[in-house]
Protein backbone atom coordinates (compact mmCIF):
# COMPACT_ATOMS: atom_id res chain seq x y z
CA MET A 1 12.93 -5.99 21.62
CA PRO A 2 16.57 -6.48 20.55
CA PHE A 3 18.23 -9.83 21.18
CA PHE A 4 21.17 -8.15 22.93
CA PRO A 5 20.45 -7.07 26.52
CA SER A 6 22.87 -4.14 26.10
CA LEU A 7 20.82 -2.62 23.26
CA PRO A 8 17.98 -0.19 24.06
CA ASP A 9 14.44 -1.05 23.00
CA ASP A 10 14.60 1.63 20.30
CA ALA A 11 17.94 0.44 18.87
CA ASN A 12 18.66 1.22 15.25
CA VAL A 13 21.48 0.93 12.71
CA ARG A 14 23.65 3.53 14.40
CA THR A 15 23.20 1.80 17.77
CA ILE A 16 24.42 -1.47 16.26
CA PHE A 17 27.36 0.23 14.57
CA ALA A 18 28.31 1.90 17.86
CA MET A 19 28.95 -1.59 19.28
CA ALA A 20 32.11 -1.75 17.14
CA ALA A 21 32.44 1.76 15.72
CA ASP A 22 35.97 1.19 14.42
CA ARG A 23 34.62 -1.43 11.99
CA TYR A 24 31.94 0.76 10.47
CA HIS A 25 33.51 4.20 10.24
CA GLY A 26 33.34 4.18 6.42
CA TRP A 27 29.81 2.79 6.14
CA HIS A 28 28.05 6.16 6.04
CA ASP A 29 30.32 7.35 3.21
CA LEU A 30 29.72 4.16 1.23
CA SER A 31 25.97 4.41 1.79
CA GLU A 32 25.94 8.06 0.77
CA HIS A 33 27.84 7.30 -2.46
CA LEU A 34 25.65 4.31 -3.38
CA MET A 35 22.33 5.88 -2.51
CA ARG A 36 22.98 9.55 -3.31
CA GLY A 37 25.94 9.62 -5.68
CA ASP A 38 26.00 9.59 -9.47
CA SER A 39 23.82 6.82 -10.94
CA ALA A 40 21.49 6.11 -13.84
CA PHE A 41 18.88 5.43 -11.14
CA SER A 42 17.11 8.34 -9.51
CA LEU A 43 17.15 8.69 -5.72
CA GLN A 44 13.59 7.37 -5.67
CA GLU A 45 14.51 4.34 -7.80
CA ARG A 46 17.45 3.46 -5.54
CA GLU A 47 15.22 3.73 -2.48
CA LEU A 48 12.64 1.62 -4.30
CA ILE A 49 15.28 -1.07 -4.90
CA ALA A 50 16.40 -0.85 -1.25
CA ALA A 51 12.85 -1.13 0.09
CA TYR A 52 11.99 -3.92 -2.35
CA VAL A 53 15.05 -6.03 -1.44
CA SER A 54 14.26 -5.45 2.24
CA GLY A 55 10.66 -6.51 1.65
CA VAL A 56 11.81 -9.67 -0.14
CA ASN A 57 13.94 -10.39 2.94
CA THR A 58 10.99 -9.48 5.21
CA CYS A 59 13.22 -7.07 7.11
CA GLN A 60 10.58 -4.96 8.83
CA TYR A 61 12.94 -2.14 9.80
CA CYS A 62 14.70 -1.57 6.45
CA HIS A 63 11.55 -2.13 4.41
CA GLY A 64 9.66 0.26 6.66
CA VAL A 65 12.28 3.02 6.62
CA HIS A 66 13.19 2.82 2.93
CA SER A 67 9.56 2.58 1.80
CA GLN A 68 9.06 5.86 3.65
CA VAL A 69 12.13 7.39 1.97
CA ALA A 70 10.86 6.33 -1.47
CA MET A 71 7.42 7.77 -0.68
CA ALA A 72 8.99 11.03 0.55
CA LEU A 73 10.73 11.16 -2.84
CA GLY A 74 7.46 10.65 -4.73
CA PHE A 75 6.73 6.91 -4.89
CA ALA A 76 3.00 6.15 -4.57
CA GLU A 77 1.92 5.49 -0.98
CA ASP A 78 0.02 2.33 -1.90
CA GLY A 79 2.70 1.13 -4.33
CA PHE A 80 4.68 -1.15 -2.03
CA ALA A 81 1.86 -3.56 -1.21
CA ARG A 82 1.24 -4.07 -4.94
CA LEU A 83 4.96 -4.28 -5.68
CA MET A 84 5.59 -6.93 -3.03
CA GLU A 85 2.67 -8.95 -4.38
CA ASP A 86 3.66 -8.93 -8.06
CA VAL A 87 6.20 -6.77 -9.89
CA ASP A 88 4.43 -7.24 -13.24
CA THR A 89 1.05 -5.90 -12.07
CA SER A 90 2.41 -3.42 -9.52
CA GLY A 91 2.09 -0.31 -11.65
CA VAL A 92 5.79 0.58 -11.46
CA ASP A 93 7.45 1.83 -14.63
CA ASP A 94 8.04 -1.05 -17.06
CA LYS A 95 11.69 -0.04 -17.43
CA ILE A 96 12.51 -0.85 -13.79
CA LYS A 97 10.59 -4.15 -13.63
CA PRO A 98 13.49 -6.31 -14.93
CA VAL A 99 15.80 -4.60 -12.43
CA LEU A 100 13.46 -5.50 -9.57
CA LYS A 101 13.18 -9.07 -10.83
CA TYR A 102 16.97 -9.23 -11.02
CA VAL A 103 17.51 -8.06 -7.43
CA ARG A 104 14.76 -10.39 -6.18
CA LYS A 105 16.46 -13.39 -7.76
CA LEU A 106 19.88 -12.20 -6.59
CA THR A 107 18.50 -11.92 -3.05
CA LEU A 108 16.70 -15.28 -2.95
CA THR A 109 18.80 -17.52 -5.21
CA PRO A 110 22.11 -15.82 -6.05
CA SER A 111 23.75 -18.96 -7.42
CA LYS A 112 21.00 -19.27 -10.04
CA MET A 113 21.71 -15.94 -11.76
CA VAL A 114 22.18 -16.39 -15.53
CA GLN A 115 23.04 -14.21 -18.50
CA ALA A 116 19.36 -13.95 -19.44
CA ASP A 117 18.69 -12.13 -16.16
CA ALA A 118 21.24 -9.44 -17.03
CA ASP A 119 20.11 -9.37 -20.66
CA ALA A 120 16.54 -8.54 -19.57
CA VAL A 121 17.87 -5.50 -17.70
CA PHE A 122 19.97 -4.41 -20.69
CA ALA A 123 16.99 -4.92 -23.05
CA ALA A 124 14.98 -2.50 -20.89
CA GLY A 125 17.57 0.17 -21.69
CA TRP A 126 19.82 0.05 -18.63
CA SER A 127 23.60 0.17 -18.96
CA GLU A 128 26.17 -2.12 -17.36
CA ARG A 129 26.91 0.66 -14.85
CA ALA A 130 23.23 0.86 -13.94
CA LEU A 131 23.03 -2.89 -13.37
CA HIS A 132 26.21 -2.67 -11.30
CA ASP A 133 24.55 0.05 -9.21
CA ALA A 134 21.42 -2.09 -8.72
CA ILE A 135 23.56 -5.07 -7.67
CA THR A 136 25.46 -2.89 -5.21
CA VAL A 137 22.29 -1.48 -3.64
CA CYS A 138 20.92 -5.04 -3.45
CA ALA A 139 24.10 -6.28 -1.76
CA MET A 140 24.14 -3.37 0.69
CA PHE A 141 20.58 -4.02 1.78
CA ASN A 142 21.05 -7.76 2.05
CA PHE A 143 23.89 -6.94 4.46
CA MET A 144 21.84 -4.38 6.40
CA ASN A 145 18.78 -6.64 6.55
CA ARG A 146 20.86 -9.36 8.15
CA MET A 147 22.51 -6.91 10.56
CA LEU A 148 19.15 -5.68 11.81
CA GLU A 149 17.39 -9.05 11.88
CA GLY A 150 20.41 -10.70 13.51
CA HIS A 151 20.33 -8.14 16.33
CA GLY A 152 16.54 -8.38 16.68
CA ILE A 153 15.80 -4.80 15.58
CA LYS A 154 12.22 -4.33 14.34
CA GLY A 155 11.13 -0.70 14.77
CA ASP A 156 7.62 0.70 14.45
CA PRO A 157 5.65 2.84 11.97
CA ALA A 158 6.48 6.10 13.80
CA THR A 159 10.20 5.29 13.65
CA PHE A 160 9.95 4.34 9.97
CA ALA A 161 8.22 7.62 9.13
CA GLN A 162 10.71 9.72 11.15
CA ARG A 163 13.81 7.95 9.79
CA GLY A 164 12.36 7.96 6.26
CA ARG A 165 11.77 11.73 6.31
CA MET A 166 15.25 12.29 7.72
CA LYS A 167 16.99 10.11 5.10
CA ALA A 168 15.01 11.74 2.28
CA LYS A 169 16.11 15.15 3.55
CA ILE A 170 19.77 14.66 4.61
CA GLY A 171 20.85 11.39 3.00
CA TYR A 172 23.15 8.83 4.57
CA ALA A 173 26.19 10.72 5.80
CA ASP A 174 24.88 11.66 9.27
CA ARG A 175 27.94 12.48 11.34
CA SER A 176 26.33 13.58 14.61
CA PRO A 177 28.33 12.17 17.54
CA LEU A 178 26.95 9.17 19.43
CA ASN A 179 27.04 8.65 23.17
CA ALA A 180 28.05 5.35 24.79
CA ASP A 181 24.54 3.95 24.20
CA GLY A 182 24.74 4.63 20.47
CA ARG A 183 22.30 7.54 20.68
CA PRO A 184 23.06 10.93 19.11
CA GLU A 185 24.58 13.39 21.56
CA PRO A 186 22.36 16.40 22.25
CA ALA A 187 23.33 19.59 20.45
CA PRO A 188 25.45 21.89 22.61
CA ALA A 189 23.55 24.71 24.32
CA LYS A 190 24.07 28.13 22.77
């Protein structure tokens, strides 16, 4: 149940953004560019980073949705439990392990980042641009995790599966109009 009495029980990101739509009009474009634009990371890897950061933050909604997106894009269904337990023994590709360790540390203790953290990512074969992309995805999901948790949005497995399938299929630039409650307007009758 959301903390705000004005929010419906099934509130989501778009419902929150509808509270001050003028502030967030560019968010979908930014999200689409970060998560679907040109990057050294595949779509699945970016969703993996998003879900992992959200899991580190224990944001049920974002971890749930973005785990589903990553799975829809081919990540192993049982992979997230192992990943959240221990990156090293999780079974993920060795190349992405230092990236995940980097975003975990950046999420939990950002002021303790050191050159060696970046060097581990570079030693795994990632470029500066790739690390920049990982940092940006990490920052975006730290923001979103706090938006959802701050408003009391939790979701449920059915919502995670539905939203995950939708994001895997259409990405982040959903432009369907919202009504006053922040819900998508029904499609016009033909």
